[in-house]
N, C-alpha and C. Protein backbone atom coordinates (compact mmCIF):
# COMPACT_ATOMS: atom_id res chain seq x y z
N MET A 1 9.59 -27.93 -39.35
CA MET A 1 8.69 -27.56 -38.29
C MET A 1 8.09 -26.19 -38.60
N SER A 2 6.79 -26.04 -38.47
CA SER A 2 6.14 -24.77 -38.81
C SER A 2 6.18 -23.81 -37.64
N GLU A 3 6.17 -22.52 -37.97
CA GLU A 3 6.17 -21.47 -36.98
C GLU A 3 4.79 -21.36 -36.35
N LYS A 4 4.74 -21.14 -35.05
CA LYS A 4 3.45 -21.01 -34.35
C LYS A 4 2.76 -19.73 -34.80
N LYS A 5 1.48 -19.84 -35.19
CA LYS A 5 0.71 -18.67 -35.59
C LYS A 5 0.32 -17.88 -34.35
N PRO A 6 0.37 -16.55 -34.42
CA PRO A 6 -0.06 -15.77 -33.26
C PRO A 6 -1.57 -15.91 -33.05
N THR A 7 -1.98 -15.85 -31.80
CA THR A 7 -3.41 -15.91 -31.50
C THR A 7 -4.05 -14.57 -31.81
N LYS A 8 -5.38 -14.56 -31.84
CA LYS A 8 -6.10 -13.31 -32.07
C LYS A 8 -5.66 -12.26 -31.04
N ASP A 9 -5.58 -12.68 -29.80
CA ASP A 9 -5.20 -11.75 -28.74
C ASP A 9 -3.81 -11.16 -29.00
N GLU A 10 -2.86 -12.01 -29.34
CA GLU A 10 -1.50 -11.54 -29.61
C GLU A 10 -1.49 -10.58 -30.80
N THR A 11 -2.24 -10.90 -31.82
CA THR A 11 -2.30 -10.05 -33.01
C THR A 11 -2.92 -8.70 -32.67
N TYR A 12 -4.01 -8.71 -31.96
CA TYR A 12 -4.69 -7.47 -31.55
C TYR A 12 -3.72 -6.57 -30.80
N TRP A 13 -3.04 -7.13 -29.81
CA TRP A 13 -2.13 -6.32 -28.99
C TRP A 13 -0.93 -5.83 -29.79
N ARG A 14 -0.44 -6.65 -30.70
CA ARG A 14 0.69 -6.22 -31.53
C ARG A 14 0.30 -5.04 -32.41
N VAL A 15 -0.88 -5.12 -33.02
CA VAL A 15 -1.35 -4.02 -33.87
C VAL A 15 -1.56 -2.76 -33.02
N LEU A 16 -2.23 -2.91 -31.90
CA LEU A 16 -2.50 -1.75 -31.04
C LEU A 16 -1.20 -1.11 -30.57
N ASN A 17 -0.27 -1.93 -30.13
CA ASN A 17 1.00 -1.42 -29.63
C ASN A 17 1.78 -0.71 -30.74
N CYS A 18 1.77 -1.28 -31.94
CA CYS A 18 2.47 -0.65 -33.06
C CYS A 18 1.80 0.67 -33.45
N ALA A 19 0.48 0.72 -33.41
CA ALA A 19 -0.24 1.96 -33.72
C ALA A 19 0.14 3.06 -32.72
N VAL A 20 0.21 2.71 -31.47
CA VAL A 20 0.58 3.68 -30.44
C VAL A 20 2.02 4.13 -30.64
N GLU A 21 2.88 3.20 -30.96
CA GLU A 21 4.28 3.55 -31.21
C GLU A 21 4.39 4.50 -32.42
N LEU A 22 3.66 4.21 -33.49
CA LEU A 22 3.67 5.10 -34.66
C LEU A 22 3.10 6.47 -34.30
N GLU A 23 2.07 6.48 -33.52
CA GLU A 23 1.45 7.73 -33.10
C GLU A 23 2.47 8.60 -32.36
N MET A 24 3.29 7.97 -31.54
CA MET A 24 4.29 8.73 -30.78
C MET A 24 5.47 9.15 -31.65
N THR A 25 5.90 8.30 -32.54
CA THR A 25 7.10 8.62 -33.32
C THR A 25 6.81 9.51 -34.53
N LYS A 26 5.65 9.34 -35.13
CA LYS A 26 5.34 10.11 -36.34
C LYS A 26 4.44 11.31 -36.06
N GLY A 27 3.71 11.26 -34.97
CA GLY A 27 2.79 12.34 -34.66
C GLY A 27 1.34 11.88 -34.75
N HIS A 28 0.48 12.69 -34.19
CA HIS A 28 -0.94 12.33 -34.10
C HIS A 28 -1.55 12.14 -35.50
N LEU A 29 -1.88 10.89 -35.79
CA LEU A 29 -2.53 10.46 -37.04
C LEU A 29 -1.69 10.75 -38.29
N LYS A 30 -0.37 10.88 -38.13
CA LYS A 30 0.50 11.17 -39.27
C LYS A 30 1.17 9.92 -39.81
N TRP A 31 0.60 8.79 -39.57
CA TRP A 31 1.07 7.52 -40.08
C TRP A 31 -0.03 6.93 -40.95
N THR A 32 0.32 5.90 -41.71
CA THR A 32 -0.66 5.29 -42.60
C THR A 32 -0.99 3.88 -42.13
N MET A 33 -2.10 3.38 -42.62
CA MET A 33 -2.48 2.00 -42.31
C MET A 33 -1.46 1.03 -42.91
N THR A 34 -0.87 1.40 -44.04
CA THR A 34 0.16 0.56 -44.64
C THR A 34 1.37 0.49 -43.72
N GLU A 35 1.78 1.62 -43.15
CA GLU A 35 2.89 1.61 -42.20
C GLU A 35 2.56 0.74 -40.99
N LEU A 36 1.33 0.85 -40.51
CA LEU A 36 0.91 0.04 -39.37
C LEU A 36 0.94 -1.44 -39.72
N SER A 37 0.46 -1.76 -40.89
CA SER A 37 0.45 -3.15 -41.34
C SER A 37 1.88 -3.70 -41.41
N ARG A 38 2.78 -2.92 -41.98
CA ARG A 38 4.19 -3.36 -42.09
C ARG A 38 4.83 -3.52 -40.71
N LYS A 39 4.64 -2.51 -39.88
CA LYS A 39 5.28 -2.53 -38.56
C LYS A 39 4.77 -3.69 -37.71
N SER A 40 3.48 -3.94 -37.76
CA SER A 40 2.90 -5.00 -36.93
C SER A 40 2.97 -6.37 -37.59
N LYS A 41 3.37 -6.39 -38.88
CA LYS A 41 3.44 -7.65 -39.64
C LYS A 41 2.08 -8.35 -39.70
N VAL A 42 1.05 -7.51 -39.89
CA VAL A 42 -0.33 -7.99 -39.98
C VAL A 42 -0.93 -7.36 -41.24
N THR A 43 -1.70 -8.12 -41.99
CA THR A 43 -2.30 -7.58 -43.20
C THR A 43 -3.25 -6.43 -42.86
N ARG A 44 -3.40 -5.50 -43.81
CA ARG A 44 -4.34 -4.39 -43.59
C ARG A 44 -5.75 -4.91 -43.36
N SER A 45 -6.13 -5.96 -44.06
CA SER A 45 -7.49 -6.48 -43.87
C SER A 45 -7.69 -6.97 -42.44
N LEU A 46 -6.66 -7.53 -41.82
CA LEU A 46 -6.78 -7.97 -40.43
C LEU A 46 -6.80 -6.76 -39.48
N VAL A 47 -6.03 -5.73 -39.80
CA VAL A 47 -6.10 -4.49 -39.03
C VAL A 47 -7.53 -3.95 -39.09
N TYR A 48 -8.10 -3.90 -40.28
CA TYR A 48 -9.48 -3.41 -40.46
C TYR A 48 -10.47 -4.27 -39.68
N TYR A 49 -10.23 -5.57 -39.68
CA TYR A 49 -11.12 -6.49 -38.97
C TYR A 49 -11.17 -6.15 -37.49
N TYR A 50 -10.01 -5.92 -36.89
CA TYR A 50 -9.95 -5.65 -35.45
C TYR A 50 -10.40 -4.24 -35.09
N PHE A 51 -10.04 -3.27 -35.92
CA PHE A 51 -10.21 -1.87 -35.51
C PHE A 51 -11.04 -1.02 -36.45
N GLY A 52 -11.45 -1.53 -37.58
CA GLY A 52 -12.13 -0.69 -38.57
C GLY A 52 -11.10 -0.03 -39.47
N ARG A 53 -11.57 0.80 -40.36
CA ARG A 53 -10.69 1.41 -41.37
C ARG A 53 -10.11 2.75 -40.94
N SER A 54 -10.44 3.20 -39.78
CA SER A 54 -10.05 4.53 -39.34
C SER A 54 -8.91 4.49 -38.33
N LYS A 55 -7.91 5.33 -38.54
CA LYS A 55 -6.83 5.45 -37.56
C LYS A 55 -7.39 5.96 -36.23
N ILE A 56 -8.38 6.82 -36.31
CA ILE A 56 -9.00 7.36 -35.09
C ILE A 56 -9.60 6.23 -34.26
N GLU A 57 -10.22 5.24 -34.91
CA GLU A 57 -10.81 4.12 -34.18
C GLU A 57 -9.73 3.33 -33.42
N ILE A 58 -8.56 3.21 -34.01
CA ILE A 58 -7.46 2.51 -33.33
C ILE A 58 -7.02 3.30 -32.11
N ILE A 59 -6.88 4.60 -32.28
CA ILE A 59 -6.45 5.44 -31.16
C ILE A 59 -7.53 5.47 -30.08
N GLU A 60 -8.78 5.50 -30.47
CA GLU A 60 -9.87 5.44 -29.48
C GLU A 60 -9.82 4.12 -28.71
N ALA A 61 -9.47 3.04 -29.40
CA ALA A 61 -9.34 1.74 -28.72
C ALA A 61 -8.21 1.80 -27.69
N ALA A 62 -7.12 2.47 -28.03
CA ALA A 62 -6.00 2.60 -27.09
C ALA A 62 -6.43 3.39 -25.86
N VAL A 63 -7.13 4.50 -26.07
CA VAL A 63 -7.60 5.32 -24.94
C VAL A 63 -8.59 4.51 -24.10
N SER A 64 -9.45 3.78 -24.75
CA SER A 64 -10.41 2.95 -24.03
C SER A 64 -9.70 1.92 -23.15
N ILE A 65 -8.67 1.30 -23.68
CA ILE A 65 -7.92 0.31 -22.91
C ILE A 65 -7.22 0.95 -21.73
N ILE A 66 -6.70 2.15 -21.92
CA ILE A 66 -6.08 2.85 -20.79
C ILE A 66 -7.10 3.01 -19.67
N GLY A 67 -8.32 3.39 -20.02
CA GLY A 67 -9.36 3.55 -19.00
C GLY A 67 -9.82 2.25 -18.40
N GLU A 68 -10.16 1.31 -19.25
CA GLU A 68 -10.73 0.06 -18.76
C GLU A 68 -9.71 -0.79 -18.02
N GLU A 69 -8.53 -0.90 -18.57
CA GLU A 69 -7.58 -1.86 -18.02
C GLU A 69 -6.54 -1.24 -17.09
N PHE A 70 -5.96 -0.12 -17.46
CA PHE A 70 -4.95 0.48 -16.59
C PHE A 70 -5.59 1.19 -15.40
N ALA A 71 -6.64 1.96 -15.66
CA ALA A 71 -7.31 2.65 -14.56
C ALA A 71 -8.37 1.78 -13.91
N GLY A 72 -8.63 0.61 -14.48
CA GLY A 72 -9.56 -0.32 -13.87
C GLY A 72 -11.00 0.15 -13.88
N LEU A 73 -11.41 0.80 -14.96
CA LEU A 73 -12.77 1.34 -15.03
C LEU A 73 -13.76 0.37 -15.69
N SER A 74 -13.29 -0.79 -16.11
CA SER A 74 -14.21 -1.77 -16.69
C SER A 74 -15.11 -2.32 -15.58
N GLU A 75 -16.23 -2.89 -16.00
CA GLU A 75 -17.17 -3.45 -15.03
C GLU A 75 -16.50 -4.52 -14.16
N LYS A 76 -15.72 -5.37 -14.79
CA LYS A 76 -15.03 -6.45 -14.06
C LYS A 76 -14.09 -5.89 -13.01
N ARG A 77 -13.32 -4.89 -13.40
CA ARG A 77 -12.33 -4.34 -12.47
C ARG A 77 -12.99 -3.51 -11.37
N MET A 78 -14.09 -2.83 -11.69
CA MET A 78 -14.83 -2.10 -10.66
C MET A 78 -15.36 -3.09 -9.61
N LYS A 79 -15.83 -4.23 -10.08
CA LYS A 79 -16.33 -5.26 -9.16
C LYS A 79 -15.20 -5.74 -8.24
N MET A 80 -14.01 -5.90 -8.80
CA MET A 80 -12.86 -6.30 -7.98
C MET A 80 -12.65 -5.30 -6.84
N TRP A 81 -12.72 -4.02 -7.17
CA TRP A 81 -12.54 -2.99 -6.15
C TRP A 81 -13.65 -3.07 -5.12
N GLU A 82 -14.88 -3.25 -5.58
CA GLU A 82 -16.01 -3.35 -4.65
C GLU A 82 -15.85 -4.52 -3.70
N GLU A 83 -15.22 -5.58 -4.18
CA GLU A 83 -14.99 -6.77 -3.35
C GLU A 83 -13.69 -6.69 -2.56
N GLY A 84 -12.98 -5.56 -2.68
CA GLY A 84 -11.72 -5.39 -1.95
C GLY A 84 -10.55 -6.13 -2.55
N ARG A 85 -10.65 -6.50 -3.82
CA ARG A 85 -9.59 -7.26 -4.49
C ARG A 85 -8.66 -6.30 -5.25
N PHE A 86 -8.09 -5.36 -4.50
CA PHE A 86 -7.24 -4.32 -5.09
C PHE A 86 -5.96 -4.91 -5.69
N GLU A 87 -5.39 -5.86 -4.97
CA GLU A 87 -4.14 -6.48 -5.43
C GLU A 87 -4.35 -7.18 -6.77
N GLU A 88 -5.41 -7.95 -6.88
CA GLU A 88 -5.71 -8.66 -8.12
C GLU A 88 -5.93 -7.66 -9.27
N SER A 89 -6.61 -6.57 -8.98
CA SER A 89 -6.86 -5.55 -9.99
C SER A 89 -5.55 -4.91 -10.46
N LEU A 90 -4.69 -4.62 -9.52
CA LEU A 90 -3.39 -4.02 -9.85
C LEU A 90 -2.54 -4.98 -10.68
N ILE A 91 -2.55 -6.24 -10.33
CA ILE A 91 -1.79 -7.24 -11.09
C ILE A 91 -2.33 -7.35 -12.51
N GLU A 92 -3.65 -7.32 -12.66
CA GLU A 92 -4.23 -7.37 -14.01
C GLU A 92 -3.82 -6.14 -14.82
N ALA A 93 -3.79 -4.97 -14.17
CA ALA A 93 -3.37 -3.76 -14.88
C ALA A 93 -1.93 -3.92 -15.38
N ARG A 94 -1.08 -4.50 -14.56
CA ARG A 94 0.32 -4.72 -14.98
C ARG A 94 0.40 -5.69 -16.14
N GLU A 95 -0.47 -6.68 -16.17
CA GLU A 95 -0.48 -7.64 -17.28
C GLU A 95 -0.81 -6.94 -18.59
N PHE A 96 -1.71 -5.96 -18.55
CA PHE A 96 -2.01 -5.21 -19.76
C PHE A 96 -0.83 -4.34 -20.16
N HIS A 97 -0.10 -3.84 -19.18
CA HIS A 97 1.10 -3.08 -19.49
C HIS A 97 2.09 -3.96 -20.26
N ASP A 98 2.19 -5.23 -19.86
CA ASP A 98 3.09 -6.14 -20.57
C ASP A 98 2.63 -6.36 -22.01
N LYS A 99 1.31 -6.35 -22.25
CA LYS A 99 0.79 -6.57 -23.60
C LYS A 99 0.96 -5.33 -24.48
N ALA A 100 0.91 -4.17 -23.88
CA ALA A 100 0.99 -2.92 -24.65
C ALA A 100 1.93 -1.94 -23.94
N PRO A 101 3.23 -2.22 -23.97
CA PRO A 101 4.17 -1.39 -23.21
C PRO A 101 4.25 0.07 -23.66
N HIS A 102 3.84 0.36 -24.89
CA HIS A 102 3.92 1.74 -25.36
C HIS A 102 2.77 2.61 -24.85
N LEU A 103 1.75 2.00 -24.26
CA LEU A 103 0.60 2.80 -23.81
C LEU A 103 0.97 3.79 -22.70
N CYS A 104 1.89 3.43 -21.83
CA CYS A 104 2.30 4.36 -20.78
C CYS A 104 2.94 5.61 -21.37
N ALA A 105 3.90 5.40 -22.26
CA ALA A 105 4.56 6.55 -22.90
C ALA A 105 3.55 7.35 -23.71
N TYR A 106 2.63 6.67 -24.34
CA TYR A 106 1.57 7.34 -25.11
C TYR A 106 0.73 8.22 -24.19
N TYR A 107 0.32 7.65 -23.09
CA TYR A 107 -0.47 8.40 -22.11
C TYR A 107 0.27 9.65 -21.65
N ILE A 108 1.52 9.49 -21.27
CA ILE A 108 2.30 10.63 -20.77
C ILE A 108 2.52 11.66 -21.88
N THR A 109 2.77 11.20 -23.09
CA THR A 109 3.02 12.10 -24.22
C THR A 109 1.78 12.91 -24.61
N PHE A 110 0.62 12.25 -24.61
CA PHE A 110 -0.57 12.89 -25.17
C PHE A 110 -1.54 13.47 -24.15
N ARG A 111 -1.34 13.22 -22.86
CA ARG A 111 -2.32 13.69 -21.87
C ARG A 111 -2.45 15.21 -21.83
N ASP A 112 -1.41 15.93 -22.15
CA ASP A 112 -1.46 17.39 -22.10
C ASP A 112 -1.71 18.03 -23.46
N LYS A 113 -1.92 17.24 -24.47
CA LYS A 113 -2.19 17.79 -25.80
C LYS A 113 -3.58 18.39 -25.84
N LYS A 114 -3.71 19.45 -26.57
CA LYS A 114 -5.00 20.15 -26.71
C LYS A 114 -5.76 19.58 -27.90
N ASN A 115 -6.02 18.26 -27.82
CA ASN A 115 -6.80 17.61 -28.87
C ASN A 115 -7.75 16.61 -28.20
N ASP A 116 -8.50 15.88 -29.01
CA ASP A 116 -9.47 14.94 -28.45
C ASP A 116 -8.82 13.86 -27.59
N VAL A 117 -7.64 13.41 -28.00
CA VAL A 117 -6.95 12.38 -27.22
C VAL A 117 -6.57 12.92 -25.85
N GLY A 118 -5.95 14.08 -25.81
CA GLY A 118 -5.56 14.69 -24.54
C GLY A 118 -6.77 14.89 -23.63
N LYS A 119 -7.85 15.40 -24.21
CA LYS A 119 -9.08 15.61 -23.42
C LYS A 119 -9.62 14.29 -22.89
N SER A 120 -9.57 13.26 -23.71
CA SER A 120 -10.06 11.94 -23.28
C SER A 120 -9.21 11.37 -22.15
N LEU A 121 -7.90 11.55 -22.24
CA LEU A 121 -7.01 11.04 -21.19
C LEU A 121 -7.22 11.79 -19.88
N ILE A 122 -7.39 13.09 -19.94
CA ILE A 122 -7.67 13.86 -18.72
C ILE A 122 -9.01 13.44 -18.13
N LYS A 123 -9.98 13.21 -18.99
CA LYS A 123 -11.29 12.73 -18.52
C LYS A 123 -11.15 11.39 -17.80
N LEU A 124 -10.33 10.49 -18.34
CA LEU A 124 -10.08 9.20 -17.68
C LEU A 124 -9.43 9.39 -16.31
N GLU A 125 -8.46 10.29 -16.24
CA GLU A 125 -7.83 10.58 -14.94
C GLU A 125 -8.87 11.03 -13.93
N ASN A 126 -9.72 11.95 -14.35
CA ASN A 126 -10.74 12.47 -13.44
C ASN A 126 -11.72 11.38 -13.03
N THR A 127 -12.05 10.49 -13.96
CA THR A 127 -12.93 9.37 -13.64
C THR A 127 -12.26 8.44 -12.63
N PHE A 128 -10.96 8.20 -12.81
CA PHE A 128 -10.22 7.36 -11.86
C PHE A 128 -10.18 8.02 -10.49
N ARG A 129 -9.97 9.32 -10.43
CA ARG A 129 -9.97 10.02 -9.14
C ARG A 129 -11.34 9.92 -8.47
N ARG A 130 -12.41 10.01 -9.27
CA ARG A 130 -13.76 9.83 -8.70
C ARG A 130 -13.93 8.41 -8.17
N LYS A 131 -13.35 7.45 -8.88
CA LYS A 131 -13.38 6.07 -8.41
C LYS A 131 -12.68 5.97 -7.05
N LEU A 132 -11.53 6.59 -6.94
CA LEU A 132 -10.80 6.58 -5.67
C LEU A 132 -11.65 7.21 -4.57
N LYS A 133 -12.28 8.33 -4.87
CA LYS A 133 -13.12 9.01 -3.87
C LYS A 133 -14.34 8.16 -3.50
N LYS A 134 -14.86 7.41 -4.45
CA LYS A 134 -15.99 6.52 -4.17
C LYS A 134 -15.59 5.46 -3.15
N PHE A 135 -14.42 4.88 -3.33
CA PHE A 135 -13.98 3.83 -2.45
C PHE A 135 -13.30 4.36 -1.19
N MET A 136 -12.92 5.62 -1.21
CA MET A 136 -12.28 6.26 -0.05
C MET A 136 -12.90 7.64 0.15
N PRO A 137 -14.16 7.68 0.57
CA PRO A 137 -14.87 8.97 0.63
C PRO A 137 -14.25 9.99 1.58
N ARG A 138 -13.47 9.55 2.55
CA ARG A 138 -12.84 10.51 3.47
C ARG A 138 -11.51 11.04 2.96
N ALA A 139 -11.09 10.57 1.80
CA ALA A 139 -9.81 11.04 1.23
C ALA A 139 -9.94 12.48 0.75
N THR A 140 -8.95 13.27 1.07
CA THR A 140 -8.89 14.62 0.54
C THR A 140 -8.48 14.54 -0.93
N ASP A 141 -8.60 15.64 -1.63
CA ASP A 141 -8.15 15.65 -3.03
C ASP A 141 -6.65 15.33 -3.11
N GLU A 142 -5.88 15.85 -2.15
CA GLU A 142 -4.44 15.61 -2.15
C GLU A 142 -4.15 14.13 -1.90
N GLN A 143 -4.89 13.50 -0.99
CA GLN A 143 -4.69 12.07 -0.74
C GLN A 143 -5.07 11.25 -1.98
N ALA A 144 -6.18 11.61 -2.61
CA ALA A 144 -6.61 10.90 -3.83
C ALA A 144 -5.54 11.04 -4.92
N ASN A 145 -4.97 12.24 -5.07
CA ASN A 145 -3.91 12.44 -6.06
C ASN A 145 -2.67 11.62 -5.73
N THR A 146 -2.35 11.52 -4.44
CA THR A 146 -1.19 10.73 -4.02
C THR A 146 -1.43 9.25 -4.33
N ILE A 147 -2.61 8.77 -4.01
CA ILE A 147 -2.95 7.37 -4.30
C ILE A 147 -2.91 7.13 -5.81
N PHE A 148 -3.44 8.08 -6.57
CA PHE A 148 -3.38 7.98 -8.03
C PHE A 148 -1.93 7.84 -8.49
N ALA A 149 -1.04 8.67 -7.96
CA ALA A 149 0.36 8.64 -8.37
C ALA A 149 1.03 7.31 -8.00
N VAL A 150 0.76 6.82 -6.81
CA VAL A 150 1.35 5.55 -6.36
C VAL A 150 0.81 4.40 -7.20
N TYR A 151 -0.49 4.40 -7.44
CA TYR A 151 -1.11 3.36 -8.27
C TYR A 151 -0.49 3.39 -9.68
N PHE A 152 -0.40 4.58 -10.24
CA PHE A 152 0.19 4.76 -11.56
C PHE A 152 1.60 4.17 -11.59
N GLY A 153 2.37 4.48 -10.57
CA GLY A 153 3.73 3.96 -10.49
C GLY A 153 3.78 2.45 -10.39
N MET A 154 2.88 1.89 -9.60
CA MET A 154 2.85 0.43 -9.45
C MET A 154 2.45 -0.26 -10.76
N VAL A 155 1.60 0.38 -11.53
CA VAL A 155 1.18 -0.20 -12.81
C VAL A 155 2.28 -0.07 -13.86
N TYR A 156 2.87 1.11 -13.96
CA TYR A 156 3.76 1.40 -15.08
C TYR A 156 5.25 1.25 -14.79
N ALA A 157 5.65 1.21 -13.54
CA ALA A 157 7.09 1.12 -13.25
C ALA A 157 7.65 -0.19 -13.78
N PRO A 158 8.80 -0.15 -14.42
CA PRO A 158 9.38 -1.39 -14.95
C PRO A 158 9.87 -2.30 -13.82
N ASN A 159 9.86 -3.57 -14.10
CA ASN A 159 10.45 -4.59 -13.23
C ASN A 159 9.85 -4.66 -11.83
N VAL A 160 8.56 -4.36 -11.69
CA VAL A 160 7.88 -4.56 -10.41
C VAL A 160 7.23 -5.95 -10.48
N SER A 161 7.64 -6.79 -9.57
CA SER A 161 7.15 -8.18 -9.58
C SER A 161 5.85 -8.29 -8.77
N GLU A 162 5.18 -9.42 -8.95
CA GLU A 162 3.98 -9.70 -8.15
C GLU A 162 4.34 -9.72 -6.67
N LYS A 163 5.52 -10.23 -6.35
CA LYS A 163 5.98 -10.28 -4.96
C LYS A 163 6.06 -8.85 -4.38
N GLU A 164 6.58 -7.93 -5.18
CA GLU A 164 6.70 -6.55 -4.71
C GLU A 164 5.32 -5.89 -4.58
N ILE A 165 4.41 -6.25 -5.45
CA ILE A 165 3.04 -5.75 -5.31
C ILE A 165 2.44 -6.27 -4.02
N LYS A 166 2.67 -7.55 -3.71
CA LYS A 166 2.15 -8.14 -2.47
C LYS A 166 2.75 -7.45 -1.24
N ILE A 167 3.99 -7.03 -1.32
CA ILE A 167 4.62 -6.31 -0.22
C ILE A 167 3.94 -4.95 -0.03
N PHE A 168 3.60 -4.31 -1.14
CA PHE A 168 3.00 -2.97 -1.11
C PHE A 168 1.54 -3.00 -0.65
N MET A 169 0.81 -4.05 -0.98
CA MET A 169 -0.64 -4.05 -0.79
C MET A 169 -1.10 -3.84 0.66
N PRO A 170 -0.45 -4.37 1.68
CA PRO A 170 -0.92 -4.06 3.04
C PRO A 170 -0.91 -2.56 3.35
N VAL A 171 0.06 -1.85 2.81
CA VAL A 171 0.12 -0.39 2.98
C VAL A 171 -1.09 0.24 2.30
N MET A 172 -1.34 -0.18 1.07
CA MET A 172 -2.48 0.35 0.32
C MET A 172 -3.80 -0.01 1.00
N GLN A 173 -3.93 -1.25 1.42
CA GLN A 173 -5.16 -1.70 2.10
C GLN A 173 -5.38 -0.89 3.38
N GLY A 174 -4.32 -0.65 4.12
CA GLY A 174 -4.43 0.14 5.35
C GLY A 174 -4.89 1.56 5.05
N LEU A 175 -4.34 2.14 4.02
CA LEU A 175 -4.72 3.49 3.63
C LEU A 175 -6.19 3.53 3.19
N ILE A 176 -6.56 2.56 2.38
CA ILE A 176 -7.96 2.50 1.91
C ILE A 176 -8.90 2.36 3.10
N SER A 177 -8.56 1.46 4.03
CA SER A 177 -9.43 1.26 5.21
C SER A 177 -9.55 2.54 6.02
N LYS A 178 -8.46 3.24 6.17
CA LYS A 178 -8.45 4.50 6.93
C LYS A 178 -9.31 5.57 6.28
N LEU A 179 -9.37 5.58 4.96
CA LEU A 179 -10.07 6.63 4.23
C LEU A 179 -11.49 6.26 3.81
N GLN A 180 -11.93 5.05 4.15
CA GLN A 180 -13.30 4.64 3.77
C GLN A 180 -14.32 5.26 4.69
């Protein structure tokens, strides 16, 4: 019986997750494409196909995913928020966490670094806070920061089930309604 081949999606996420893991364990850009290829069990040519030949391009893809998927800044996720589908958006963010579990640790590790990655992550945070203020214009900065922290926790906390998200959402919906 032959082994099931990974799908493009699975391969992409495995490479990205391994790159982030190497970035954290070896240091910013102190790993090689060969190490990434070995760790992810993907040929270098396939790594190049997905991300280009630059380690920076891989890291930029990771930062982009943090913004688009975890912070929900993609067009699709913004539309969900506009339609009041906060729960669905939060669940999708958790699904990306399952695909790339090292991104949370990467975010926490690199957000305060005085380099392009750190600056990009802080910029994403500020964009997410502006998103919160857009949807909750009466929220104070402190309330927006609190919502950011709770959202962050709901996305990244281990072992939070969809059921627990559903329990939390009426509280979040009530807060959003109050601050709109």
